[in-house]
Amino acid sequence: MIPPFPVYLFDLDGTLMDSAADINGAILDVLASRGHTGASQTQLRRYIGRHLLDTFGDLGFTGTELEEMIADYRRIYPQRRHAETRVFPGVPEMLAQLGGRKSTATTKSSATTRVVLEQFGLLAHFDHVQGTDGFPAKPEPDVILESLRVFGTAPEQCLFVGDSPADMEAGRRAGVRTCAVRWGYGDLDEMARWTPDYWIDSPADLVRNIPAGRAVFSID
């Protein structure tokens, strides 16, 4: 059973949105422009939620070329207009039923996150939108701590929901409770190493034990 929390933070890609086809499609376009054709969608899925420095760096790119590739990705990805991205089943219903205040904690920028949430009809469910803006990406805890600062909330009053080892590590380092989802892109064994407080198999699991109609909750 997951108790109600005053604040919920959500990772975006792999947690709320099935966006792998667009993210990896843009990465593959960037790689192809550099003559690199050895990567696959399957290989790249495990990097979703991590910084592009990790993705391109692990493929052997360094220095100025790596920075240029990140710039190319940031140009190409929006051009796809999220055409192959979908909301995971049950997410809109979960967000509508879930009480407390809600924010995001994603490696995307806040501006891009807001665009995605608005395009898919989810923005109205969020009190704040927080992306990675000028500070280190997960597994560093900065994006989580920024939402806590905005809300004026103590870490123990927050549940962070994500699908990757980087999410679970960032949550632990921020001092918040963590909830691992099993439908995303992350390696479950690697996520388990960070001992999430909760595991869920569907978005409905997050609200199954929460009374309907409650807008704000408190915990001891």
N, C-alpha and C. Protein backbone atom coordinates (compact mmCIF):
# COMPACT_ATOMS: atom_id res chain seq x y z
N MET A 1 0.85 -1.20 0.00
CA MET A 1 0.00 0.00 0.00
C MET A 1 0.88 1.25 0.00
N ILE A 2 0.56 2.20 -0.87
CA ILE A 2 1.28 3.46 -0.93
C ILE A 2 0.45 4.53 -0.23
N PRO A 3 0.97 5.12 0.84
CA PRO A 3 0.19 6.16 1.52
C PRO A 3 0.15 7.43 0.67
N PRO A 4 -0.80 8.31 0.93
CA PRO A 4 -0.84 9.58 0.20
C PRO A 4 0.29 10.50 0.62
N PHE A 5 0.76 11.31 -0.32
CA PHE A 5 1.83 12.27 -0.07
C PHE A 5 1.35 13.67 -0.41
N PRO A 6 1.87 14.69 0.26
CA PRO A 6 1.53 16.07 -0.11
C PRO A 6 2.07 16.50 -1.47
N VAL A 7 3.22 15.92 -1.88
CA VAL A 7 3.86 16.30 -3.13
C VAL A 7 4.29 15.05 -3.90
N TYR A 8 4.00 15.07 -5.21
CA TYR A 8 4.43 13.99 -6.10
C TYR A 8 5.26 14.60 -7.22
N LEU A 9 6.41 14.00 -7.47
CA LEU A 9 7.25 14.39 -8.60
C LEU A 9 7.31 13.22 -9.58
N PHE A 10 7.27 13.53 -10.87
CA PHE A 10 7.26 12.50 -11.89
C PHE A 10 8.37 12.71 -12.91
N ASP A 11 9.11 11.65 -13.16
CA ASP A 11 9.92 11.60 -14.37
C ASP A 11 8.96 11.63 -15.56
N LEU A 12 9.45 12.02 -16.73
CA LEU A 12 8.58 12.13 -17.90
C LEU A 12 8.72 10.92 -18.83
N ASP A 13 9.89 10.79 -19.47
CA ASP A 13 10.09 9.76 -20.49
C ASP A 13 10.25 8.38 -19.85
N GLY A 14 9.35 7.47 -20.21
CA GLY A 14 9.38 6.13 -19.65
C GLY A 14 8.52 5.98 -18.42
N THR A 15 8.02 7.09 -17.90
CA THR A 15 7.15 7.07 -16.71
C THR A 15 5.74 7.55 -17.08
N LEU A 16 5.65 8.76 -17.62
CA LEU A 16 4.36 9.27 -18.09
C LEU A 16 4.18 9.06 -19.58
N MET A 17 5.29 9.18 -20.33
CA MET A 17 5.23 9.16 -21.79
C MET A 17 6.06 8.00 -22.35
N ASP A 18 5.51 7.33 -23.36
CA ASP A 18 6.27 6.35 -24.14
C ASP A 18 6.86 7.11 -25.32
N SER A 19 8.03 7.64 -25.12
CA SER A 19 8.65 8.57 -26.06
C SER A 19 9.93 8.04 -26.69
N ALA A 20 10.21 6.76 -26.51
CA ALA A 20 11.49 6.20 -26.98
C ALA A 20 11.67 6.35 -28.47
N ALA A 21 10.60 6.16 -29.25
CA ALA A 21 10.74 6.19 -30.71
C ALA A 21 11.21 7.57 -31.19
N ASP A 22 10.68 8.64 -30.59
CA ASP A 22 11.09 9.99 -31.00
C ASP A 22 12.47 10.35 -30.47
N ILE A 23 12.74 10.03 -29.21
CA ILE A 23 14.06 10.34 -28.64
C ILE A 23 15.15 9.59 -29.39
N ASN A 24 14.98 8.28 -29.52
CA ASN A 24 16.01 7.48 -30.17
C ASN A 24 16.08 7.74 -31.67
N GLY A 25 14.94 8.07 -32.27
CA GLY A 25 14.96 8.42 -33.68
C GLY A 25 15.82 9.64 -33.94
N ALA A 26 15.70 10.65 -33.07
CA ALA A 26 16.53 11.85 -33.21
C ALA A 26 18.00 11.53 -32.98
N ILE A 27 18.29 10.69 -31.99
CA ILE A 27 19.68 10.29 -31.73
C ILE A 27 20.25 9.54 -32.92
N LEU A 28 19.48 8.62 -33.50
CA LEU A 28 19.95 7.85 -34.65
C LEU A 28 20.20 8.77 -35.85
N ASP A 29 19.39 9.79 -36.01
CA ASP A 29 19.63 10.76 -37.10
C ASP A 29 20.96 11.48 -36.89
N VAL A 30 21.23 11.87 -35.64
CA VAL A 30 22.49 12.55 -35.35
C VAL A 30 23.67 11.62 -35.60
N LEU A 31 23.55 10.38 -35.16
CA LEU A 31 24.63 9.41 -35.36
C LEU A 31 24.86 9.15 -36.85
N ALA A 32 23.78 9.01 -37.60
CA ALA A 32 23.91 8.74 -39.04
C ALA A 32 24.62 9.89 -39.75
N SER A 33 24.40 11.11 -39.28
CA SER A 33 25.07 12.26 -39.90
C SER A 33 26.56 12.25 -39.66
N ARG A 34 27.00 11.47 -38.67
CA ARG A 34 28.42 11.31 -38.37
C ARG A 34 28.96 9.97 -38.89
N GLY A 35 28.16 9.25 -39.67
CA GLY A 35 28.60 7.98 -40.23
C GLY A 35 28.54 6.82 -39.28
N HIS A 36 27.86 6.99 -38.14
CA HIS A 36 27.75 5.93 -37.15
C HIS A 36 26.40 5.24 -37.33
N THR A 37 26.44 3.99 -37.73
CA THR A 37 25.20 3.25 -38.00
C THR A 37 25.07 1.99 -37.15
N GLY A 38 25.89 1.85 -36.13
CA GLY A 38 25.89 0.62 -35.35
C GLY A 38 24.93 0.58 -34.19
N ALA A 39 24.34 1.72 -33.82
CA ALA A 39 23.45 1.76 -32.66
C ALA A 39 22.04 1.32 -33.04
N SER A 40 21.30 0.84 -32.06
CA SER A 40 19.93 0.38 -32.29
C SER A 40 18.99 1.04 -31.27
N GLN A 41 17.69 0.99 -31.58
CA GLN A 41 16.69 1.48 -30.63
C GLN A 41 16.82 0.76 -29.30
N THR A 42 17.03 -0.55 -29.34
CA THR A 42 17.13 -1.33 -28.10
C THR A 42 18.32 -0.88 -27.27
N GLN A 43 19.46 -0.67 -27.91
CA GLN A 43 20.66 -0.23 -27.20
C GLN A 43 20.45 1.14 -26.58
N LEU A 44 19.78 2.03 -27.30
CA LEU A 44 19.64 3.40 -26.85
C LEU A 44 18.59 3.58 -25.76
N ARG A 45 17.63 2.67 -25.68
CA ARG A 45 16.56 2.81 -24.69
C ARG A 45 17.10 2.95 -23.27
N ARG A 46 18.18 2.25 -22.96
CA ARG A 46 18.69 2.27 -21.59
C ARG A 46 19.31 3.62 -21.22
N TYR A 47 19.53 4.48 -22.22
CA TYR A 47 20.08 5.80 -21.93
C TYR A 47 19.00 6.85 -21.70
N ILE A 48 17.75 6.51 -21.98
CA ILE A 48 16.69 7.50 -21.83
C ILE A 48 16.60 7.91 -20.36
N GLY A 49 16.58 9.22 -20.15
CA GLY A 49 16.58 9.75 -18.80
C GLY A 49 17.95 10.18 -18.31
N ARG A 50 18.99 9.81 -19.08
CA ARG A 50 20.34 10.26 -18.76
C ARG A 50 20.73 11.39 -19.71
N HIS A 51 21.79 12.09 -19.38
CA HIS A 51 22.22 13.20 -20.21
C HIS A 51 22.79 12.68 -21.52
N LEU A 52 22.63 13.47 -22.58
CA LEU A 52 23.17 13.08 -23.89
C LEU A 52 24.69 12.96 -23.88
N LEU A 53 25.34 13.61 -22.93
CA LEU A 53 26.78 13.42 -22.79
C LEU A 53 27.11 11.95 -22.56
N ASP A 54 26.29 11.27 -21.77
CA ASP A 54 26.51 9.85 -21.52
C ASP A 54 26.25 9.03 -22.78
N THR A 55 25.15 9.34 -23.47
CA THR A 55 24.77 8.58 -24.66
C THR A 55 25.85 8.65 -25.72
N PHE A 56 26.19 9.85 -26.13
CA PHE A 56 27.17 10.01 -27.20
C PHE A 56 28.58 9.70 -26.72
N GLY A 57 28.87 10.00 -25.46
CA GLY A 57 30.19 9.70 -24.92
C GLY A 57 30.50 8.22 -24.91
N ASP A 58 29.50 7.41 -24.50
CA ASP A 58 29.71 5.96 -24.46
C ASP A 58 29.86 5.36 -25.86
N LEU A 59 29.41 6.09 -26.87
CA LEU A 59 29.56 5.63 -28.24
C LEU A 59 30.88 6.09 -28.86
N GLY A 60 31.71 6.75 -28.05
CA GLY A 60 33.06 7.08 -28.48
C GLY A 60 33.29 8.50 -28.94
N PHE A 61 32.28 9.35 -28.81
CA PHE A 61 32.44 10.74 -29.25
C PHE A 61 32.92 11.60 -28.10
N THR A 62 33.77 12.56 -28.40
CA THR A 62 34.35 13.41 -27.36
C THR A 62 34.46 14.85 -27.85
N GLY A 63 34.77 15.72 -26.90
CA GLY A 63 35.15 17.09 -27.21
C GLY A 63 34.13 17.88 -27.99
N THR A 64 34.64 18.65 -28.94
CA THR A 64 33.79 19.56 -29.72
C THR A 64 32.74 18.80 -30.51
N GLU A 65 33.10 17.66 -31.07
CA GLU A 65 32.14 16.89 -31.85
C GLU A 65 30.96 16.46 -30.99
N LEU A 66 31.24 16.03 -29.77
CA LEU A 66 30.18 15.62 -28.86
C LEU A 66 29.23 16.79 -28.58
N GLU A 67 29.77 17.96 -28.33
CA GLU A 67 28.93 19.13 -28.07
C GLU A 67 28.10 19.49 -29.30
N GLU A 68 28.70 19.37 -30.48
CA GLU A 68 27.95 19.65 -31.71
C GLU A 68 26.82 18.66 -31.90
N MET A 69 27.04 17.41 -31.52
CA MET A 69 26.00 16.39 -31.67
C MET A 69 24.83 16.66 -30.72
N ILE A 70 25.12 17.12 -29.53
CA ILE A 70 24.05 17.47 -28.60
C ILE A 70 23.24 18.63 -29.16
N ALA A 71 23.92 19.62 -29.74
CA ALA A 71 23.21 20.74 -30.36
C ALA A 71 22.35 20.26 -31.52
N ASP A 72 22.87 19.32 -32.33
CA ASP A 72 22.09 18.77 -33.44
C ASP A 72 20.85 18.05 -32.93
N TYR A 73 21.01 17.27 -31.87
CA TYR A 73 19.86 16.57 -31.30
C TYR A 73 18.79 17.56 -30.85
N ARG A 74 19.20 18.61 -30.19
CA ARG A 74 18.24 19.58 -29.67
C ARG A 74 17.53 20.33 -30.80
N ARG A 75 18.12 20.34 -31.97
CA ARG A 75 17.46 20.92 -33.14
C ARG A 75 16.52 19.91 -33.80
N ILE A 76 16.97 18.65 -33.89
CA ILE A 76 16.20 17.63 -34.61
C ILE A 76 15.01 17.13 -33.80
N TYR A 77 15.21 16.92 -32.51
CA TYR A 77 14.15 16.32 -31.69
C TYR A 77 12.84 17.10 -31.75
N PRO A 78 12.83 18.42 -31.57
CA PRO A 78 11.54 19.14 -31.65
C PRO A 78 10.90 19.06 -33.04
N GLN A 79 11.72 18.90 -34.08
CA GLN A 79 11.18 18.82 -35.43
C GLN A 79 10.33 17.57 -35.64
N ARG A 80 10.53 16.58 -34.82
CA ARG A 80 9.72 15.37 -34.92
C ARG A 80 8.30 15.59 -34.39
N ARG A 81 8.12 16.66 -33.62
CA ARG A 81 6.82 17.06 -33.08
C ARG A 81 6.14 15.94 -32.27
N HIS A 82 6.98 15.09 -31.69
CA HIS A 82 6.49 14.03 -30.80
C HIS A 82 5.45 13.13 -31.50
N ALA A 83 5.66 12.95 -32.82
CA ALA A 83 4.67 12.24 -33.62
C ALA A 83 4.53 10.77 -33.23
N GLU A 84 5.60 10.19 -32.69
CA GLU A 84 5.56 8.77 -32.32
C GLU A 84 5.50 8.58 -30.80
N THR A 85 5.28 9.65 -30.08
CA THR A 85 5.19 9.61 -28.62
C THR A 85 3.73 9.38 -28.21
N ARG A 86 3.55 8.62 -27.15
CA ARG A 86 2.22 8.34 -26.63
C ARG A 86 2.23 8.44 -25.11
N VAL A 87 1.10 8.76 -24.54
CA VAL A 87 0.93 8.70 -23.09
C VAL A 87 0.70 7.25 -22.70
N PHE A 88 1.38 6.79 -21.66
CA PHE A 88 1.16 5.42 -21.21
C PHE A 88 -0.29 5.26 -20.75
N PRO A 89 -0.92 4.12 -21.06
CA PRO A 89 -2.31 3.90 -20.63
C PRO A 89 -2.46 4.06 -19.12
N GLY A 90 -3.51 4.76 -18.72
CA GLY A 90 -3.81 4.94 -17.31
C GLY A 90 -3.19 6.16 -16.68
N VAL A 91 -2.24 6.82 -17.37
CA VAL A 91 -1.58 7.99 -16.79
C VAL A 91 -2.54 9.17 -16.62
N PRO A 92 -3.34 9.54 -17.62
CA PRO A 92 -4.25 10.68 -17.40
C PRO A 92 -5.22 10.45 -16.24
N GLU A 93 -5.74 9.24 -16.15
CA GLU A 93 -6.67 8.93 -15.07
C GLU A 93 -5.98 9.00 -13.72
N MET A 94 -4.76 8.50 -13.66
CA MET A 94 -4.01 8.54 -12.41
C MET A 94 -3.76 9.98 -11.97
N LEU A 95 -3.31 10.83 -12.89
CA LEU A 95 -3.03 12.22 -12.54
C LEU A 95 -4.29 12.95 -12.11
N ALA A 96 -5.43 12.62 -12.73
CA ALA A 96 -6.69 13.27 -12.38
C ALA A 96 -7.16 12.89 -10.99
N GLN A 97 -6.89 11.65 -10.58
CA GLN A 97 -7.36 11.16 -9.29
C GLN A 97 -6.40 11.46 -8.15
N LEU A 98 -5.13 11.65 -8.47
CA LEU A 98 -4.11 11.80 -7.44
C LEU A 98 -4.21 13.17 -6.79
N GLY A 99 -4.23 13.20 -5.47
CA GLY A 99 -4.25 14.47 -4.76
C GLY A 99 -2.87 15.06 -4.61
N GLY A 100 -2.75 16.05 -3.77
CA GLY A 100 -1.46 16.67 -3.52
C GLY A 100 -1.02 17.56 -4.67
N ARG A 101 0.15 18.17 -4.50
CA ARG A 101 0.72 18.99 -5.56
C ARG A 101 1.65 18.14 -6.41
N LYS A 102 1.76 18.49 -7.69
CA LYS A 102 2.52 17.67 -8.63
C LYS A 102 3.50 18.53 -9.42
N SER A 103 4.68 17.95 -9.64
CA SER A 103 5.67 18.57 -10.50
C SER A 103 6.38 17.47 -11.28
N THR A 104 7.23 17.88 -12.19
CA THR A 104 8.04 16.94 -12.94
C THR A 104 9.49 17.01 -12.47
N ALA A 105 10.24 15.97 -12.76
CA ALA A 105 11.68 15.94 -12.48
C ALA A 105 12.31 15.14 -13.62
N THR A 106 12.63 15.83 -14.70
CA THR A 106 13.04 15.19 -15.93
C THR A 106 14.34 15.79 -16.45
N THR A 107 15.04 15.02 -17.29
CA THR A 107 16.26 15.51 -17.91
C THR A 107 15.97 16.50 -19.02
N LYS A 108 14.76 16.48 -19.57
CA LYS A 108 14.36 17.51 -20.53
C LYS A 108 14.40 18.88 -19.87
N SER A 109 14.49 19.93 -20.69
CA SER A 109 14.38 21.28 -20.14
C SER A 109 12.95 21.54 -19.68
N SER A 110 12.78 22.52 -18.83
CA SER A 110 11.43 22.87 -18.38
C SER A 110 10.56 23.30 -19.56
N ALA A 111 11.13 24.06 -20.50
CA ALA A 111 10.37 24.54 -21.65
C ALA A 111 9.88 23.38 -22.51
N THR A 112 10.76 22.42 -22.80
CA THR A 112 10.37 21.27 -23.61
C THR A 112 9.36 20.41 -22.87
N THR A 113 9.54 20.23 -21.59
CA THR A 113 8.60 19.45 -20.79
C THR A 113 7.21 20.05 -20.83
N ARG A 114 7.15 21.37 -20.71
CA ARG A 114 5.85 22.05 -20.75
C ARG A 114 5.17 21.84 -22.11
N VAL A 115 5.94 21.91 -23.18
CA VAL A 115 5.39 21.69 -24.52
C VAL A 115 4.80 20.29 -24.65
N VAL A 116 5.55 19.29 -24.18
CA VAL A 116 5.09 17.90 -24.28
C VAL A 116 3.83 17.69 -23.45
N LEU A 117 3.83 18.16 -22.22
CA LEU A 117 2.65 17.99 -21.36
C LEU A 117 1.43 18.67 -21.95
N GLU A 118 1.62 19.84 -22.52
CA GLU A 118 0.49 20.55 -23.12
C GLU A 118 -0.02 19.83 -24.36
N GLN A 119 0.90 19.35 -25.20
CA GLN A 119 0.49 18.67 -26.42
C GLN A 119 -0.36 17.44 -26.13
N PHE A 120 -0.06 16.76 -25.03
CA PHE A 120 -0.77 15.51 -24.73
C PHE A 120 -1.84 15.69 -23.65
N GLY A 121 -2.20 16.92 -23.35
CA GLY A 121 -3.31 17.19 -22.46
C GLY A 121 -3.06 16.91 -21.00
N LEU A 122 -1.80 16.92 -20.57
CA LEU A 122 -1.48 16.61 -19.18
C LEU A 122 -1.08 17.83 -18.35
N LEU A 123 -0.84 18.95 -18.99
CA LEU A 123 -0.27 20.10 -18.28
C LEU A 123 -1.17 20.58 -17.15
N ALA A 124 -2.47 20.52 -17.34
CA ALA A 124 -3.40 21.04 -16.32
C ALA A 124 -3.32 20.27 -15.01
N HIS A 125 -2.76 19.07 -15.03
CA HIS A 125 -2.66 18.27 -13.81
C HIS A 125 -1.48 18.69 -12.93
N PHE A 126 -0.60 19.57 -13.44
CA PHE A 126 0.63 19.90 -12.72
C PHE A 126 0.60 21.31 -12.16
N ASP A 127 1.05 21.42 -10.91
CA ASP A 127 1.17 22.71 -10.25
C ASP A 127 2.47 23.41 -10.64
N HIS A 128 3.45 22.65 -11.07
CA HIS A 128 4.75 23.20 -11.45
C HIS A 128 5.36 22.25 -12.47
N VAL A 129 6.17 22.78 -13.37
CA VAL A 129 6.91 21.98 -14.35
C VAL A 129 8.39 22.26 -14.15
N GLN A 130 9.15 21.21 -13.83
CA GLN A 130 10.57 21.39 -13.57
C GLN A 130 11.39 20.43 -14.42
N GLY A 131 12.25 21.01 -15.24
CA GLY A 131 13.20 20.23 -16.01
C GLY A 131 14.61 20.54 -15.57
N THR A 132 15.56 20.05 -16.34
CA THR A 132 16.97 20.24 -16.01
C THR A 132 17.46 21.49 -16.74
N ASP A 133 17.54 22.58 -16.02
CA ASP A 133 17.85 23.89 -16.59
C ASP A 133 19.14 24.44 -16.00
N GLY A 134 20.24 24.19 -16.66
CA GLY A 134 21.50 24.79 -16.24
C GLY A 134 22.13 24.17 -15.02
N PHE A 135 21.68 23.00 -14.60
CA PHE A 135 22.32 22.30 -13.49
C PHE A 135 22.48 20.83 -13.87
N PRO A 136 23.24 20.06 -13.10
CA PRO A 136 23.53 18.68 -13.49
C PRO A 136 22.27 17.83 -13.58
N ALA A 137 22.29 16.90 -14.53
CA ALA A 137 21.16 16.00 -14.75
C ALA A 137 21.19 14.84 -13.76
N LYS A 138 20.05 14.16 -13.64
CA LYS A 138 20.00 12.92 -12.85
C LYS A 138 21.08 11.96 -13.35
N PRO A 139 21.77 11.26 -12.46
CA PRO A 139 21.40 10.93 -11.08
C PRO A 139 21.72 11.98 -10.02
N GLU A 140 22.24 13.15 -10.43
CA GLU A 140 22.36 14.23 -9.46
C GLU A 140 20.95 14.62 -9.00
N PRO A 141 20.78 15.07 -7.78
CA PRO A 141 19.44 15.31 -7.24
C PRO A 141 18.87 16.69 -7.53
N ASP A 142 19.59 17.52 -8.29
CA ASP A 142 19.24 18.94 -8.42
C ASP A 142 17.81 19.19 -8.91
N VAL A 143 17.35 18.43 -9.90
CA VAL A 143 16.03 18.69 -10.46
C VAL A 143 14.92 18.40 -9.44
N ILE A 144 15.15 17.43 -8.58
CA ILE A 144 14.20 17.14 -7.51
C ILE A 144 14.24 18.23 -6.46
N LEU A 145 15.43 18.62 -6.07
CA LEU A 145 15.57 19.64 -5.03
C LEU A 145 14.98 20.97 -5.46
N GLU A 146 15.01 21.26 -6.76
CA GLU A 146 14.46 22.52 -7.24
C GLU A 146 12.95 22.55 -7.07
N SER A 147 12.27 21.45 -7.38
CA SER A 147 10.82 21.40 -7.16
C SER A 147 10.49 21.51 -5.68
N LEU A 148 11.26 20.86 -4.83
CA LEU A 148 11.03 20.96 -3.39
C LEU A 148 11.19 22.41 -2.93
N ARG A 149 12.18 23.09 -3.50
CA ARG A 149 12.39 24.50 -3.14
C ARG A 149 11.18 25.34 -3.56
N VAL A 150 10.69 25.11 -4.77
CA VAL A 150 9.54 25.88 -5.26
C VAL A 150 8.32 25.65 -4.38
N PHE A 151 8.10 24.40 -3.99
CA PHE A 151 6.94 24.08 -3.17
C PHE A 151 7.14 24.39 -1.69
N GLY A 152 8.38 24.62 -1.28
CA GLY A 152 8.66 24.82 0.14
C GLY A 152 8.37 23.58 0.96
N THR A 153 8.72 22.42 0.39
CA THR A 153 8.36 21.13 0.97
C THR A 153 9.61 20.38 1.43
N ALA A 154 9.53 19.71 2.56
CA ALA A 154 10.63 18.88 3.05
C ALA A 154 10.71 17.60 2.22
N PRO A 155 11.89 17.04 2.03
CA PRO A 155 12.04 15.83 1.21
C PRO A 155 11.14 14.68 1.65
N GLU A 156 10.98 14.49 2.94
CA GLU A 156 10.20 13.35 3.43
C GLU A 156 8.71 13.49 3.12
N GLN A 157 8.29 14.65 2.67
CA GLN A 157 6.89 14.87 2.30
C GLN A 157 6.63 14.61 0.80
N CYS A 158 7.63 14.05 0.11
CA CYS A 158 7.56 13.93 -1.35
C CYS A 158 7.77 12.49 -1.79
N LEU A 159 7.02 12.09 -2.81
CA LEU A 159 7.23 10.81 -3.48
C LEU A 159 7.64 11.08 -4.92
N PHE A 160 8.78 10.53 -5.32
CA PHE A 160 9.29 10.68 -6.69
C PHE A 160 9.05 9.39 -7.44
N VAL A 161 8.39 9.48 -8.59
CA VAL A 161 8.01 8.33 -9.39
C VAL A 161 8.84 8.31 -10.67
N GLY A 162 9.57 7.22 -10.89
CA GLY A 162 10.42 7.15 -12.07
C GLY A 162 10.64 5.74 -12.55
N ASP A 163 11.36 5.62 -13.67
CA ASP A 163 11.49 4.30 -14.32
C ASP A 163 12.93 3.88 -14.53
N SER A 164 13.90 4.61 -13.99
CA SER A 164 15.29 4.29 -14.30
C SER A 164 16.16 4.25 -13.04
N PRO A 165 17.32 3.59 -13.14
CA PRO A 165 18.26 3.63 -12.02
C PRO A 165 18.67 5.06 -11.67
N ALA A 166 18.83 5.92 -12.68
CA ALA A 166 19.20 7.31 -12.41
C ALA A 166 18.12 8.02 -11.60
N ASP A 167 16.85 7.70 -11.87
CA ASP A 167 15.76 8.27 -11.09
C ASP A 167 15.86 7.83 -9.63
N MET A 168 16.05 6.55 -9.43
CA MET A 168 16.08 6.02 -8.07
C MET A 168 17.29 6.56 -7.29
N GLU A 169 18.43 6.67 -7.96
CA GLU A 169 19.61 7.23 -7.31
C GLU A 169 19.39 8.70 -6.96
N ALA A 170 18.83 9.46 -7.91
CA ALA A 170 18.58 10.88 -7.64
C ALA A 170 17.61 11.06 -6.47
N GLY A 171 16.58 10.21 -6.43
CA GLY A 171 15.63 10.29 -5.32
C GLY A 171 16.27 10.01 -3.99
N ARG A 172 17.10 8.98 -3.95
CA ARG A 172 17.79 8.66 -2.70
C ARG A 172 18.68 9.81 -2.27
N ARG A 173 19.41 10.39 -3.22
CA ARG A 173 20.34 11.47 -2.88
C ARG A 173 19.60 12.73 -2.45
N ALA A 174 18.36 12.90 -2.94
CA ALA A 174 17.56 14.06 -2.54
C ALA A 174 16.86 13.84 -1.21
N GLY A 175 16.81 12.60 -0.75
CA GLY A 175 16.16 12.32 0.53
C GLY A 175 14.66 12.14 0.46
N VAL A 176 14.12 11.97 -0.78
CA VAL A 176 12.67 11.78 -0.93
C VAL A 176 12.35 10.28 -0.97
N ARG A 177 11.07 9.94 -0.81
CA ARG A 177 10.63 8.57 -1.03
C ARG A 177 10.61 8.30 -2.53
N THR A 178 10.85 7.06 -2.92
CA THR A 178 10.93 6.73 -4.33
C THR A 178 9.94 5.62 -4.69
N CYS A 179 9.41 5.72 -5.90
CA CYS A 179 8.48 4.72 -6.43
C CYS A 179 8.96 4.32 -7.82
N ALA A 180 9.30 3.06 -8.00
CA ALA A 180 9.80 2.56 -9.27
C ALA A 180 8.66 1.96 -10.09
N VAL A 181 8.57 2.35 -11.36
CA VAL A 181 7.55 1.79 -12.24
C VAL A 181 8.16 0.68 -13.08
N ARG A 182 7.39 -0.35 -13.32
CA ARG A 182 7.89 -1.51 -14.05
C ARG A 182 7.58 -1.46 -15.54
N TRP A 183 6.88 -0.41 -16.02
CA TRP A 183 6.50 -0.38 -17.43
C TRP A 183 7.44 0.48 -18.28
N GLY A 184 8.47 1.05 -17.69
CA GLY A 184 9.32 1.99 -18.42
C GLY A 184 10.50 1.35 -19.10
N TYR A 185 11.61 2.11 -19.19
CA TYR A 185 12.77 1.70 -19.97
C TYR A 185 13.93 1.20 -19.12
N GLY A 186 13.85 1.38 -17.81
CA GLY A 186 14.99 1.09 -16.97
C GLY A 186 15.19 -0.39 -16.68
N ASP A 187 16.43 -0.75 -16.38
CA ASP A 187 16.77 -2.10 -15.97
C ASP A 187 16.27 -2.31 -14.54
N LEU A 188 15.38 -3.29 -14.36
CA LEU A 188 14.74 -3.48 -13.06
C LEU A 188 15.75 -3.89 -11.99
N ASP A 189 16.72 -4.71 -12.35
CA ASP A 189 17.72 -5.13 -11.37
C ASP A 189 18.57 -3.95 -10.92
N GLU A 190 18.92 -3.08 -11.86
CA GLU A 190 19.71 -1.90 -11.51
C GLU A 190 18.88 -0.93 -10.65
N MET A 191 17.60 -0.82 -10.96
CA MET A 191 16.74 0.03 -10.14
C MET A 191 16.65 -0.52 -8.72
N ALA A 192 16.57 -1.84 -8.60
CA ALA A 192 16.43 -2.47 -7.29
C ALA A 192 17.64 -2.20 -6.39
N ARG A 193 18.80 -1.97 -6.99
CA ARG A 193 20.00 -1.67 -6.21
C ARG A 193 19.81 -0.43 -5.34
N TRP A 194 18.89 0.45 -5.74
CA TRP A 194 18.66 1.68 -4.99
C TRP A 194 17.48 1.55 -4.04
N THR A 195 17.03 0.32 -3.85
CA THR A 195 15.97 -0.02 -2.89
C THR A 195 14.82 0.98 -2.90
N PRO A 196 14.07 1.05 -4.01
CA PRO A 196 12.91 1.95 -4.03
C PRO A 196 11.96 1.64 -2.88
N ASP A 197 11.31 2.66 -2.38
CA ASP A 197 10.34 2.46 -1.30
C ASP A 197 9.12 1.70 -1.78
N TYR A 198 8.76 1.90 -3.06
CA TYR A 198 7.57 1.25 -3.62
C TYR A 198 7.86 0.84 -5.06
N TRP A 199 7.16 -0.22 -5.50
CA TRP A 199 7.16 -0.65 -6.90
C TRP A 199 5.70 -0.69 -7.36
N ILE A 200 5.46 -0.25 -8.60
CA ILE A 200 4.11 -0.35 -9.13
C ILE A 200 4.14 -0.93 -10.54
N ASP A 201 3.07 -1.64 -10.90
CA ASP A 201 2.96 -2.28 -12.21
C ASP A 201 2.08 -1.50 -13.18
N SER A 202 1.32 -0.55 -12.67
CA SER A 202 0.47 0.28 -13.53
C SER A 202 0.22 1.60 -12.83
N PRO A 203 -0.13 2.66 -13.59
CA PRO A 203 -0.43 3.94 -12.95
C PRO A 203 -1.53 3.83 -11.92
N ALA A 204 -2.49 2.95 -12.15
CA ALA A 204 -3.60 2.80 -11.20
C ALA A 204 -3.13 2.38 -9.82
N ASP A 205 -1.98 1.69 -9.74
CA ASP A 205 -1.46 1.25 -8.45
C ASP A 205 -1.13 2.43 -7.54
N LEU A 206 -0.87 3.59 -8.14
CA LEU A 206 -0.49 4.75 -7.34
C LEU A 206 -1.69 5.36 -6.63
N VAL A 207 -2.88 5.14 -7.16
CA VAL A 207 -4.07 5.77 -6.58
C VAL A 207 -5.07 4.75 -6.04
N ARG A 208 -4.74 3.48 -6.11
CA ARG A 208 -5.70 2.44 -5.76
C ARG A 208 -6.20 2.57 -4.33
N ASN A 209 -5.33 3.02 -3.43
CA ASN A 209 -5.71 3.09 -2.02
C ASN A 209 -5.94 4.51 -1.54
N ILE A 210 -6.06 5.47 -2.48
CA ILE A 210 -6.27 6.86 -2.11
C ILE A 210 -7.74 7.20 -2.23
N PRO A 211 -8.36 7.76 -1.19
CA PRO A 211 -9.79 8.11 -1.26
C PRO A 211 -10.06 9.12 -2.37
N ALA A 212 -11.15 8.94 -3.09
CA ALA A 212 -11.51 9.86 -4.15
C ALA A 212 -11.86 11.23 -3.60
N GLY A 213 -11.52 12.25 -4.36
CA GLY A 213 -11.93 13.60 -3.99
C GLY A 213 -11.00 14.34 -3.06
N ARG A 214 -9.99 13.68 -2.51
CA ARG A 214 -9.06 14.37 -1.62
C ARG A 214 -8.10 15.20 -2.44
N ALA A 215 -7.94 16.45 -2.14
CA ALA A 215 -7.06 17.33 -2.93
C ALA A 215 -5.68 17.46 -2.30
N VAL A 216 -5.62 17.46 -0.99
CA VAL A 216 -4.35 17.62 -0.29
C VAL A 216 -4.28 16.61 0.84
N PHE A 217 -3.11 16.01 1.02
CA PHE A 217 -2.93 15.00 2.04
C PHE A 217 -1.82 15.41 2.98
N SER A 218 -1.75 14.77 4.10
CA SER A 218 -0.62 14.95 5.01
C SER A 218 -0.18 13.59 5.48
N ILE A 219 1.09 13.49 5.84
CA ILE A 219 1.61 12.24 6.42
C ILE A 219 2.34 12.59 7.70
N ASP A 220 2.54 11.60 8.52
CA ASP A 220 3.23 11.82 9.79
C ASP A 220 4.70 12.16 9.54
